C-alpha atoms as a PDB file:
ATOM      1  CA  UNK A   1      82.504 228.038   6.995  1.00  0.00           C
ATOM      2  CA  UNK A   2      84.903 226.819  10.201  1.00  0.00           C
ATOM      3  CA  UNK A   3      83.646 223.181  10.505  1.00  0.00           C
ATOM      4  CA  UNK A   4      83.605 221.548   7.201  1.00  0.00           C
ATOM      5  CA  UNK A   5      84.627 218.321   5.159  1.00  0.00           C
ATOM      6  CA  UNK A   6      86.563 218.178   1.811  1.00  0.00           C
ATOM      7  CA  UNK A   7      86.418 215.256  -0.481  1.00  0.00           C
ATOM      8  CA  UNK A   8      88.996 214.862  -2.864  1.00  0.00           C
ATOM      9  CA  UNK A   9      90.124 211.902  -5.299  1.00  0.00           C
ATOM     10  CA  UNK A  10      93.503 210.621  -6.969  1.00  0.00           C
ATOM     11  CA  UNK A  11      91.607 209.013 -10.257  1.00  0.00           C
ATOM     12  CA  UNK A  12      94.878 207.568 -11.520  1.00  0.00           C
ATOM     13  CA  UNK A  13      95.765 205.998  -8.435  1.00  0.00           C
ATOM     14  CA  UNK A  14      92.197 205.099  -7.234  1.00  0.00           C
ATOM     15  CA  UNK A  15      92.166 206.729  -3.811  1.00  0.00           C
ATOM     16  CA  UNK A  16      89.778 208.987  -2.154  1.00  0.00           C
ATOM     17  CA  UNK A  17      90.541 211.273   0.487  1.00  0.00           C
ATOM     18  CA  UNK A  18      88.403 213.032   2.990  1.00  0.00           C
ATOM     19  CA  UNK A  19      89.509 215.756   5.463  1.00  0.00           C
ATOM     20  CA  UNK A  20      87.682 217.692   8.126  1.00  0.00           C
ATOM     21  CA  UNK A  21      87.731 220.045  10.759  1.00  0.00           C
ATOM     22  CA  UNK A  22      84.843 219.894  13.532  1.00  0.00           C
ATOM     23  CA  UNK A  23      86.604 222.002  16.184  1.00  0.00           C
ATOM     24  CA  UNK A  24      83.782 224.404  16.925  1.00  0.00           C
ATOM     25  CA  UNK A  25      81.075 221.794  16.989  1.00  0.00           C
ATOM     26  CA  UNK A  26      83.337 219.569  19.372  1.00  0.00           C
ATOM     27  CA  UNK A  27      83.963 222.753  21.765  1.00  0.00           C
ATOM     28  CA  UNK A  28      80.194 223.407  21.863  1.00  0.00           C
ATOM     29  CA  UNK A  29      79.104 220.057  22.453  1.00  0.00           C
ATOM     30  CA  UNK A  30      81.695 219.437  25.285  1.00  0.00           C
ATOM     31  CA  UNK A  31      80.389 222.700  26.725  1.00  0.00           C
ATOM     32  CA  UNK A  32      76.686 221.590  26.275  1.00  0.00           C
ATOM     33  CA  UNK A  33      77.520 218.333  27.858  1.00  0.00           C
ATOM     34  CA  UNK A  34      79.623 219.848  30.513  1.00  0.00           C
ATOM     35  CA  UNK A  35      82.187 217.100  29.937  1.00  0.00           C
ATOM     36  CA  UNK A  36      85.608 216.892  31.629  1.00  0.00           C
ATOM     37  CA  UNK A  37      88.762 216.966  29.291  1.00  0.00           C
ATOM     38  CA  UNK A  38      88.775 213.205  28.541  1.00  0.00           C
ATOM     39  CA  UNK A  39      84.812 212.929  27.941  1.00  0.00           C
ATOM     40  CA  UNK A  40      85.404 216.015  25.509  1.00  0.00           C
ATOM     41  CA  UNK A  41      88.251 214.361  23.722  1.00  0.00           C
ATOM     42  CA  UNK A  42      86.242 210.922  23.339  1.00  0.00           C
ATOM     43  CA  UNK A  43      83.439 213.242  22.345  1.00  0.00           C
ATOM     44  CA  UNK A  44      85.834 214.814  19.508  1.00  0.00           C
ATOM     45  CA  UNK A  45      86.716 211.291  18.207  1.00  0.00           C
ATOM     46  CA  UNK A  46      83.035 210.276  17.833  1.00  0.00           C
ATOM     47  CA  UNK A  47      81.817 213.616  16.096  1.00  0.00           C
ATOM     48  CA  UNK A  48      85.031 213.517  13.696  1.00  0.00           C
ATOM     49  CA  UNK A  49      84.412 209.739  13.017  1.00  0.00           C
ATOM     50  CA  UNK A  50      80.697 210.320  12.531  1.00  0.00           C
ATOM     51  CA  UNK A  51      81.431 213.158   9.966  1.00  0.00           C
ATOM     52  CA  UNK A  52      84.110 211.204   7.833  1.00  0.00           C
ATOM     53  CA  UNK A  53      81.900 208.149   7.565  1.00  0.00           C
ATOM     54  CA  UNK A  54      78.674 210.405   7.073  1.00  0.00           C
ATOM     55  CA  UNK A  55      80.640 211.902   4.102  1.00  0.00           C
ATOM     56  CA  UNK A  56      80.399 208.501   2.180  1.00  0.00           C
ATOM     57  CA  UNK A  57      76.627 208.432   2.614  1.00  0.00           C
ATOM     58  CA  UNK A  58      74.302 209.179  -0.420  1.00  0.00           C
ATOM     59  CA  UNK A  59      71.184 211.500  -0.072  1.00  0.00           C
ATOM     60  CA  UNK A  60      68.738 211.107   3.062  1.00  0.00           C
ATOM     61  CA  UNK A  61      71.203 208.354   4.331  1.00  0.00           C
ATOM     62  CA  UNK A  62      72.201 208.129   7.925  1.00  0.00           C
ATOM     63  CA  UNK A  63      74.838 206.550  10.085  1.00  0.00           C
ATOM     64  CA  UNK A  64      75.363 206.082  13.665  1.00  0.00           C
ATOM     65  CA  UNK A  65      78.590 204.893  15.396  1.00  0.00           C
ATOM     66  CA  UNK A  66      78.334 203.324  19.085  1.00  0.00           C
ATOM     67  CA  UNK A  67      81.355 202.584  20.992  1.00  0.00           C
ATOM     68  CA  UNK A  68      80.739 200.615  24.268  1.00  0.00           C
ATOM     69  CA  UNK A  69      84.086 200.639  26.307  1.00  0.00           C
ATOM     70  CA  UNK A  70      85.543 198.370  28.396  1.00  0.00           C
ATOM     71  CA  UNK A  71      87.375 200.972  30.740  1.00  0.00           C
ATOM     72  CA  UNK A  72      85.949 204.193  31.910  1.00  0.00           C
ATOM     73  CA  UNK A  73      83.830 204.947  28.910  1.00  0.00           C
ATOM     74  CA  UNK A  74      80.500 203.163  29.192  1.00  0.00           C
ATOM     75  CA  UNK A  75      79.059 204.427  25.903  1.00  0.00           C
ATOM     76  CA  UNK A  76      79.646 206.883  23.001  1.00  0.00           C
ATOM     77  CA  UNK A  77      77.117 207.576  20.372  1.00  0.00           C
ATOM     78  CA  UNK A  78      77.754 209.508  17.235  1.00  0.00           C
ATOM     79  CA  UNK A  79      75.437 210.352  14.313  1.00  0.00           C
ATOM     80  CA  UNK A  80      75.535 211.751  11.195  1.00  0.00           C
ATOM     81  CA  UNK A  81      73.650 212.026   7.780  1.00  0.00           C
ATOM     82  CA  UNK A  82      74.332 212.730   3.975  1.00  0.00           C
ATOM     83  CA  UNK A  83      73.969 216.793   4.504  1.00  0.00           C
ATOM     84  CA  UNK A  84      76.740 217.035   7.012  1.00  0.00           C
ATOM     85  CA  UNK A  85      74.696 217.305  10.020  1.00  0.00           C
ATOM     86  CA  UNK A  86      76.383 215.510  13.133  1.00  0.00           C
ATOM     87  CA  UNK A  87      75.416 215.139  16.993  1.00  0.00           C
ATOM     88  CA  UNK A  88      76.940 213.034  19.654  1.00  0.00           C
ATOM     89  CA  UNK A  89      76.431 212.255  23.426  1.00  0.00           C
ATOM     90  CA  UNK A  90      78.696 210.257  25.797  1.00  0.00           C
ATOM     91  CA  UNK A  91      78.250 208.376  29.170  1.00  0.00           C
ATOM     92  CA  UNK A  92      79.733 209.466  31.623  1.00  0.00           C
ATOM     93  CA  UNK A  93      80.429 212.983  30.744  1.00  0.00           C
ATOM     94  CA  UNK A  94      82.929 213.352  33.766  1.00  0.00           C
ATOM     95  CA  UNK A  95      85.574 210.637  32.904  1.00  0.00           C
ATOM     96  CA  UNK A  96      88.326 211.462  35.362  1.00  0.00           C
ATOM     97  CA  UNK A  97      91.991 212.110  34.102  1.00  0.00           C
ATOM     98  CA  UNK A  98      94.648 214.964  33.767  1.00  0.00           C
ATOM     99  CA  UNK A  99      93.494 217.962  31.780  1.00  0.00           C
ATOM    100  CA  UNK A 100      95.843 217.659  28.734  1.00  0.00           C
ATOM    101  CA  UNK A 101      94.528 214.785  26.754  1.00  0.00           C
ATOM    102  CA  UNK A 102      95.887 212.778  23.596  1.00  0.00           C
ATOM    103  CA  UNK A 103      95.514 209.776  21.773  1.00  0.00           C
ATOM    104  CA  UNK A 104      96.803 207.994  24.839  1.00  0.00           C
ATOM    105  CA  UNK A 105      94.606 208.982  27.344  1.00  0.00           C
ATOM    106  CA  UNK A 106      91.757 208.552  24.990  1.00  0.00           C
ATOM    107  CA  UNK A 107      92.692 204.953  24.217  1.00  0.00           C
ATOM    108  CA  UNK A 108      92.827 204.300  28.133  1.00  0.00           C
ATOM    109  CA  UNK A 109      89.472 205.652  28.686  1.00  0.00           C
ATOM    110  CA  UNK A 110      87.857 203.396  26.030  1.00  0.00           C
ATOM    111  CA  UNK A 111      89.911 200.374  26.884  1.00  0.00           C
ATOM    112  CA  UNK A 112      91.142 197.489  24.712  1.00  0.00           C
ATOM    113  CA  UNK A 113      88.154 195.698  24.593  1.00  0.00           C
ATOM    114  CA  UNK A 114      84.256 196.261  24.096  1.00  0.00           C
ATOM    115  CA  UNK A 115      82.270 196.986  20.986  1.00  0.00           C
ATOM    116  CA  UNK A 116      82.113 199.087  18.143  1.00  0.00           C
ATOM    117  CA  UNK A 117      78.898 199.179  16.212  1.00  0.00           C
ATOM    118  CA  UNK A 118      77.952 200.822  13.175  1.00  0.00           C
ATOM    119  CA  UNK A 119      74.448 201.269  11.828  1.00  0.00           C
ATOM    120  CA  UNK A 120      73.263 202.579   8.569  1.00  0.00           C
ATOM    121  CA  UNK A 121      70.026 203.720   7.282  1.00  0.00           C
ATOM    122  CA  UNK A 122      70.360 203.451   3.909  1.00  0.00           C
ATOM    123  CA  UNK A 123      66.684 204.071   2.846  1.00  0.00           C
ATOM    124  CA  UNK A 124      65.743 200.565   2.511  1.00  0.00           C
ATOM    125  CA  UNK A 125      63.432 198.250   4.656  1.00  0.00           C
ATOM    126  CA  UNK A 126      66.130 197.094   6.824  1.00  0.00           C
ATOM    127  CA  UNK A 127      68.811 198.656   8.814  1.00  0.00           C
ATOM    128  CA  UNK A 128      72.482 197.538   8.295  1.00  0.00           C
ATOM    129  CA  UNK A 129      74.546 196.970  11.263  1.00  0.00           C
ATOM    130  CA  UNK A 130      77.718 195.609  11.819  1.00  0.00           C
ATOM    131  CA  UNK A 131      79.584 195.092  15.233  1.00  0.00           C
ATOM    132  CA  UNK A 132      83.172 194.610  15.594  1.00  0.00           C
ATOM    133  CA  UNK A 133      85.488 194.293  18.720  1.00  0.00           C
ATOM    134  CA  UNK A 134      87.352 197.058  19.669  1.00  0.00           C
ATOM    135  CA  UNK A 135      90.859 196.734  19.017  1.00  0.00           C
ATOM    136  CA  UNK A 136      92.950 199.345  20.823  1.00  0.00           C
ATOM    137  CA  UNK A 137      90.837 201.927  22.276  1.00  0.00           C
ATOM    138  CA  UNK A 138      92.469 204.454  19.725  1.00  0.00           C
ATOM    139  CA  UNK A 139      89.151 204.970  17.912  1.00  0.00           C
ATOM    140  CA  UNK A 140      90.654 206.202  14.461  1.00  0.00           C
ATOM    141  CA  UNK A 141      92.557 202.948  14.520  1.00  0.00           C
ATOM    142  CA  UNK A 142      89.412 200.894  15.551  1.00  0.00           C
ATOM    143  CA  UNK A 143      87.233 202.831  12.502  1.00  0.00           C
ATOM    144  CA  UNK A 144      90.152 201.651  10.488  1.00  0.00           C
ATOM    145  CA  UNK A 145      89.698 198.221  11.452  1.00  0.00           C
ATOM    146  CA  UNK A 146      86.075 198.192  10.907  1.00  0.00           C
ATOM    147  CA  UNK A 147      85.994 199.725   7.252  1.00  0.00           C
ATOM    148  CA  UNK A 148      88.867 196.714   6.251  1.00  0.00           C
ATOM    149  CA  UNK A 149      87.021 194.052   8.206  1.00  0.00           C
ATOM    150  CA  UNK A 150      83.264 194.647   7.502  1.00  0.00           C
ATOM    151  CA  UNK A 151      82.964 196.834   4.438  1.00  0.00           C
ATOM    152  CA  UNK A 152      86.683 195.096   3.209  1.00  0.00           C
ATOM    153  CA  UNK A 153      87.701 198.313   2.004  1.00  0.00           C
ATOM    154  CA  UNK A 154      91.608 199.178   2.410  1.00  0.00           C
ATOM    155  CA  UNK A 155      91.238 202.272   4.309  1.00  0.00           C
ATOM    156  CA  UNK A 156      93.282 204.672   6.895  1.00  0.00           C
ATOM    157  CA  UNK A 157      91.709 206.638   9.215  1.00  0.00           C
ATOM    158  CA  UNK A 158      93.275 209.537  11.267  1.00  0.00           C
ATOM    159  CA  UNK A 159      91.624 211.605  14.103  1.00  0.00           C
ATOM    160  CA  UNK A 160      93.236 214.452  16.421  1.00  0.00           C
ATOM    161  CA  UNK A 161      91.352 215.910  19.111  1.00  0.00           C
ATOM    162  CA  UNK A 162      94.101 217.889  21.283  1.00  0.00           C
ATOM    163  CA  UNK A 163      92.888 218.980  24.638  1.00  0.00           C
ATOM    164  CA  UNK A 164      95.195 221.396  26.678  1.00  0.00           C
ATOM    165  CA  UNK A 165      96.210 221.787  29.954  1.00  0.00           C
ATOM    166  CA  UNK A 166      93.361 223.930  30.774  1.00  0.00           C
ATOM    167  CA  UNK A 167      91.013 221.538  29.425  1.00  0.00           C
ATOM    168  CA  UNK A 168      90.269 223.218  26.511  1.00  0.00           C
ATOM    169  CA  UNK A 169      89.698 221.454  23.091  1.00  0.00           C
ATOM    170  CA  UNK A 170      92.113 223.005  20.900  1.00  0.00           C
ATOM    171  CA  UNK A 171      91.266 221.626  17.672  1.00  0.00           C
ATOM    172  CA  UNK A 172      89.138 218.414  16.382  1.00  0.00           C
ATOM    173  CA  UNK A 173      89.308 216.808  13.019  1.00  0.00           C
ATOM    174  CA  UNK A 174      90.413 213.863  11.072  1.00  0.00           C
ATOM    175  CA  UNK A 175      91.393 212.414   7.802  1.00  0.00           C
ATOM    176  CA  UNK A 176      90.075 209.115   5.727  1.00  0.00           C
ATOM    177  CA  UNK A 177      91.986 207.607   2.731  1.00  0.00           C
ATOM    178  CA  UNK A 178      90.248 204.625   1.002  1.00  0.00           C
ATOM    179  CA  UNK A 179      90.831 203.079  -2.194  1.00  0.00           C
ATOM    180  CA  UNK A 180      88.456 202.912  -5.087  1.00  0.00           C
ATOM    181  CA  UNK A 181      87.653 199.838  -6.667  1.00  0.00           C
ATOM    182  CA  UNK A 182      90.801 198.648  -8.391  1.00  0.00           C
ATOM    183  CA  UNK A 183      92.687 201.324  -6.470  1.00  0.00           C
ATOM    184  CA  UNK A 184      96.337 201.191  -5.756  1.00  0.00           C
ATOM    185  CA  UNK A 185      96.603 199.864  -2.096  1.00  0.00           C
ATOM    186  CA  UNK A 186     100.523 200.609  -2.446  1.00  0.00           C
ATOM    187  CA  UNK A 187      99.634 204.240  -2.810  1.00  0.00           C
ATOM    188  CA  UNK A 188      97.385 204.011   0.109  1.00  0.00           C
ATOM    189  CA  UNK A 189     100.217 202.767   2.211  1.00  0.00           C
ATOM    190  CA  UNK A 190     102.697 205.573   1.026  1.00  0.00           C
ATOM    191  CA  UNK A 191     100.213 208.139   1.883  1.00  0.00           C
ATOM    192  CA  UNK A 192      99.493 206.642   5.570  1.00  0.00           C
ATOM    193  CA  UNK A 193     103.498 206.772   5.560  1.00  0.00           C
ATOM    194  CA  UNK A 194     103.408 210.354   4.584  1.00  0.00           C
ATOM    195  CA  UNK A 195     100.935 211.286   7.278  1.00  0.00           C
ATOM    196  CA  UNK A 196     103.380 209.588   9.935  1.00  0.00           C
ATOM    197  CA  UNK A 197     106.207 211.915   8.823  1.00  0.00           C
ATOM    198  CA  UNK A 198     104.152 214.937   9.467  1.00  0.00           C
ATOM    199  CA  UNK A 199     103.048 216.538  12.834  1.00  0.00           C
ATOM    200  CA  UNK A 200     100.176 215.082  14.414  1.00  0.00           C
ATOM    201  CA  UNK A 201      97.040 215.981  12.497  1.00  0.00           C
ATOM    202  CA  UNK A 202      95.474 217.732  15.886  1.00  0.00           C
ATOM    203  CA  UNK A 203      98.299 219.868  16.197  1.00  0.00           C
ATOM    204  CA  UNK A 204      98.117 220.807  12.536  1.00  0.00           C
ATOM    205  CA  UNK A 205      94.664 222.055  12.838  1.00  0.00           C
ATOM    206  CA  UNK A 206      95.212 223.867  16.185  1.00  0.00           C
ATOM    207  CA  UNK A 207      98.060 225.617  14.556  1.00  0.00           C
ATOM    208  CA  UNK A 208      95.638 226.662  11.618  1.00  0.00           C
ATOM    209  CA  UNK A 209      96.311 224.089   8.996  1.00  0.00           C
ATOM    210  CA  UNK A 210      93.380 223.630   6.778  1.00  0.00           C
ATOM    211  CA  UNK A 211      91.765 220.230   5.868  1.00  0.00           C
ATOM    212  CA  UNK A 212      92.757 221.172   2.037  1.00  0.00           C
ATOM    213  CA  UNK A 213      96.470 221.602   3.090  1.00  0.00           C
ATOM    214  CA  UNK A 214      96.111 218.603   4.929  1.00  0.00           C
ATOM    215  CA  UNK A 215      95.064 216.618   1.703  1.00  0.00           C
ATOM    216  CA  UNK A 216      97.614 218.262  -0.234  1.00  0.00           C
ATOM    217  CA  UNK A 217     100.496 216.903   2.169  1.00  0.00           C
ATOM    218  CA  UNK A 218      99.132 213.726   2.257  1.00  0.00           C
ATOM    219  CA  UNK A 219      98.460 213.381  -1.574  1.00  0.00           C
ATOM    220  CA  UNK A 220     102.092 214.406  -2.113  1.00  0.00           C
ATOM    221  CA  UNK A 221     102.932 214.154  -5.902  1.00  0.00           C
ATOM    222  CA  UNK A 222      99.781 212.341  -6.679  1.00  0.00           C
ATOM    223  CA  UNK A 223      97.463 214.127  -9.117  1.00  0.00           C
ATOM    224  CA  UNK A 224      94.032 214.941  -7.280  1.00  0.00           C
ATOM    225  CA  UNK A 225      91.096 216.882  -7.608  1.00  0.00           C
ATOM    226  CA  UNK A 226      88.893 218.378  -5.037  1.00  0.00           C
ATOM    227  CA  UNK A 227      85.190 217.152  -5.606  1.00  0.00           C
ATOM    228  CA  UNK A 228      83.288 219.240  -3.063  1.00  0.00           C
ATOM    229  CA  UNK A 229      83.702 221.105   0.284  1.00  0.00           C
ATOM    230  CA  UNK A 230      80.627 220.600   2.774  1.00  0.00           C
ATOM    231  CA  UNK A 231      79.860 222.453   5.585  1.00  0.00           C
ATOM    232  CA  UNK A 232      79.234 220.662   8.967  1.00  0.00           C
ATOM    233  CA  UNK A 233      77.130 221.541  11.744  1.00  0.00           C
ATOM    234  CA  UNK A 234      75.484 220.263  14.740  1.00  0.00           C
ATOM    235  CA  UNK A 235      71.748 219.517  14.486  1.00  0.00           C
ATOM    236  CA  UNK A 236      69.857 217.362  16.623  1.00  0.00           C
ATOM    237  CA  UNK A 237      66.686 215.704  15.386  1.00  0.00           C
ATOM    238  CA  UNK A 238      64.618 215.855  18.829  1.00  0.00           C
ATOM    239  CA  UNK A 239      61.325 217.939  19.026  1.00  0.00           C
ATOM    240  CA  UNK A 240      58.466 218.360  21.205  1.00  0.00           C
ATOM    241  CA  UNK A 241      56.394 216.317  18.569  1.00  0.00           C
ATOM    242  CA  UNK A 242      58.943 213.373  18.933  1.00  0.00           C
ATOM    243  CA  UNK A 243      58.769 213.569  22.505  1.00  0.00           C
ATOM    244  CA  UNK A 244      54.738 213.190  22.323  1.00  0.00           C
ATOM    245  CA  UNK A 245      55.162 210.374  19.855  1.00  0.00           C
ATOM    246  CA  UNK A 246      57.414 208.585  22.287  1.00  0.00           C
ATOM    247  CA  UNK A 247      54.891 209.056  25.342  1.00  0.00           C
ATOM    248  CA  UNK A 248      52.011 207.681  22.953  1.00  0.00           C
ATOM    249  CA  UNK A 249      54.338 204.503  22.327  1.00  0.00           C
ATOM    250  CA  UNK A 250      54.173 203.720  25.856  1.00  0.00           C
ATOM    251  CA  UNK A 251      50.549 202.746  25.764  1.00  0.00           C
ATOM    252  CA  UNK A 252      47.496 203.983  27.476  1.00  0.00           C
ATOM    253  CA  UNK A 253      48.316 202.257  30.957  1.00  0.00           C
ATOM    254  CA  UNK A 254      51.918 203.899  31.533  1.00  0.00           C
ATOM    255  CA  UNK A 255      50.379 207.258  30.083  1.00  0.00           C
ATOM    256  CA  UNK A 256      47.741 207.072  33.278  1.00  0.00           C
ATOM    257  CA  UNK A 257      50.577 206.352  35.510  1.00  0.00           C
ATOM    258  CA  UNK A 258      52.147 209.583  34.464  1.00  0.00           C
ATOM    259  CA  UNK A 259      48.978 211.534  34.601  1.00  0.00           C
ATOM    260  CA  UNK A 260      48.859 210.401  38.547  1.00  0.00           C
ATOM    261  CA  UNK A 261      52.636 211.661  38.879  1.00  0.00           C
ATOM    262  CA  UNK A 262      51.540 214.994  37.401  1.00  0.00           C
ATOM    263  CA  UNK A 263      54.187 215.452  34.690  1.00  0.00           C
ATOM    264  CA  UNK A 264      56.441 213.923  32.082  1.00  0.00           C
ATOM    265  CA  UNK A 265      60.071 215.013  31.364  1.00  0.00           C
ATOM    266  CA  UNK A 266      61.920 213.788  28.543  1.00  0.00           C
ATOM    267  CA  UNK A 267      65.347 214.934  28.181  1.00  0.00           C
ATOM    268  CA  UNK A 268      67.516 214.723  25.081  1.00  0.00           C
ATOM    269  CA  UNK A 269      70.876 213.027  25.371  1.00  0.00           C
ATOM    270  CA  UNK A 270      72.195 214.395  22.551  1.00  0.00           C
ATOM    271  CA  UNK A 271      71.557 218.265  23.197  1.00  0.00           C
ATOM    272  CA  UNK A 272      69.958 218.301  26.667  1.00  0.00           C
ATOM    273  CA  UNK A 273      66.858 220.025  25.420  1.00  0.00           C
ATOM    274  CA  UNK A 274      64.259 219.393  27.961  1.00  0.00           C
ATOM    275  CA  UNK A 275      60.520 218.547  27.277  1.00  0.00           C
ATOM    276  CA  UNK A 276      57.899 218.993  29.888  1.00  0.00           C
ATOM    277  CA  UNK A 277      54.474 217.336  29.762  1.00  0.00           C
ATOM    278  CA  UNK A 278      52.149 218.649  32.456  1.00  0.00           C
ATOM    279  CA  UNK A 279      48.947 216.814  33.698  1.00  0.00           C
ATOM    280  CA  UNK A 280      46.424 218.478  31.282  1.00  0.00           C
ATOM    281  CA  UNK A 281      48.833 217.459  28.128  1.00  0.00           C
ATOM    282  CA  UNK A 282      49.198 213.912  29.508  1.00  0.00           C
ATOM    283  CA  UNK A 283      45.291 213.610  30.199  1.00  0.00           C
ATOM    284  CA  UNK A 284      44.606 214.678  26.834  1.00  0.00           C
ATOM    285  CA  UNK A 285      47.041 212.128  25.203  1.00  0.00           C
ATOM    286  CA  UNK A 286      45.390 209.640  27.351  1.00  0.00           C
ATOM    287  CA  UNK A 287      41.741 210.468  26.421  1.00  0.00           C
ATOM    288  CA  UNK A 288      43.206 209.987  22.521  1.00  0.00           C
ATOM    289  CA  UNK A 289      44.800 206.901  23.225  1.00  0.00           C
ATOM    290  CA  UNK A 290      41.639 205.615  24.847  1.00  0.00           C
ATOM    291  CA  UNK A 291      39.475 206.622  22.033  1.00  0.00           C
ATOM    292  CA  UNK A 292      41.535 204.984  19.651  1.00  0.00           C
ATOM    293  CA  UNK A 293      41.350 201.976  21.385  1.00  0.00           C
ATOM    294  CA  UNK A 294      37.804 201.814  21.867  1.00  0.00           C
ATOM    295  CA  UNK A 295      37.426 202.622  17.919  1.00  0.00           C
ATOM    296  CA  UNK A 296      39.648 199.505  17.127  1.00  0.00           C
ATOM    297  CA  UNK A 297      37.632 197.281  19.170  1.00  0.00           C
ATOM    298  CA  UNK A 298      34.540 198.387  17.709  1.00  0.00           C
ATOM    299  CA  UNK A 299      35.749 197.862  14.047  1.00  0.00           C
END
């Protein structure tokens, strides 16, 4: 299990800690999107952030993080659920820049303005949506700001996605620290300072350090316990059936136009799977839509 997240808690101090390694998922996703080194690093930040925030969800809940940048990045969308399934896409995939990429280059690509939107499906009627302005372009710092501002929970997020001179993602992972109700904020600050004294998180993961060891170093002398270790994996929810439903939703008139064109092609932004519907399939969909319309008028 190379991609996973560890959840731990220091009960006396009232601090929860989460640390994850998503290196292989980021590497595969970057190749799937044919991403340049800078786009790959930004993708890594998004996937890691989604994994961390997704681990706070309850069963059957989902979260989406959307970044609309003010510099070279136009959009980053990363999603996760309570089961450790994550996916992301970026626009554009070919952000230019030097091959070796670190936090400074990621911040420059995102820009210091723009919007960070977090959408949660908590299994109730309405979605929870919160929008905050991007503060720094360093997406871990911006997620920290979101948690403090919108969820009003003292938090600290650290993400590392070092990309080497050959444009290869060496590692990707992150750390999330939060106070529990009545938790000691001063202990949270001490843990954040302790992390500052360590080598960069991405470099530690690239050197073979585990999320468990990162938590051990950050918790220091605080007594804590590991609650669970959850595997993480890339999983896309697209399918031919979903694509067909999307075609149906555009209505009979638009489907008729597609029949004239001869085919419809739907590309998934997340996994780049392509679903092609030929004229015969589109004609069958159109017939069903027209039949349903006729029945509804006669009722």
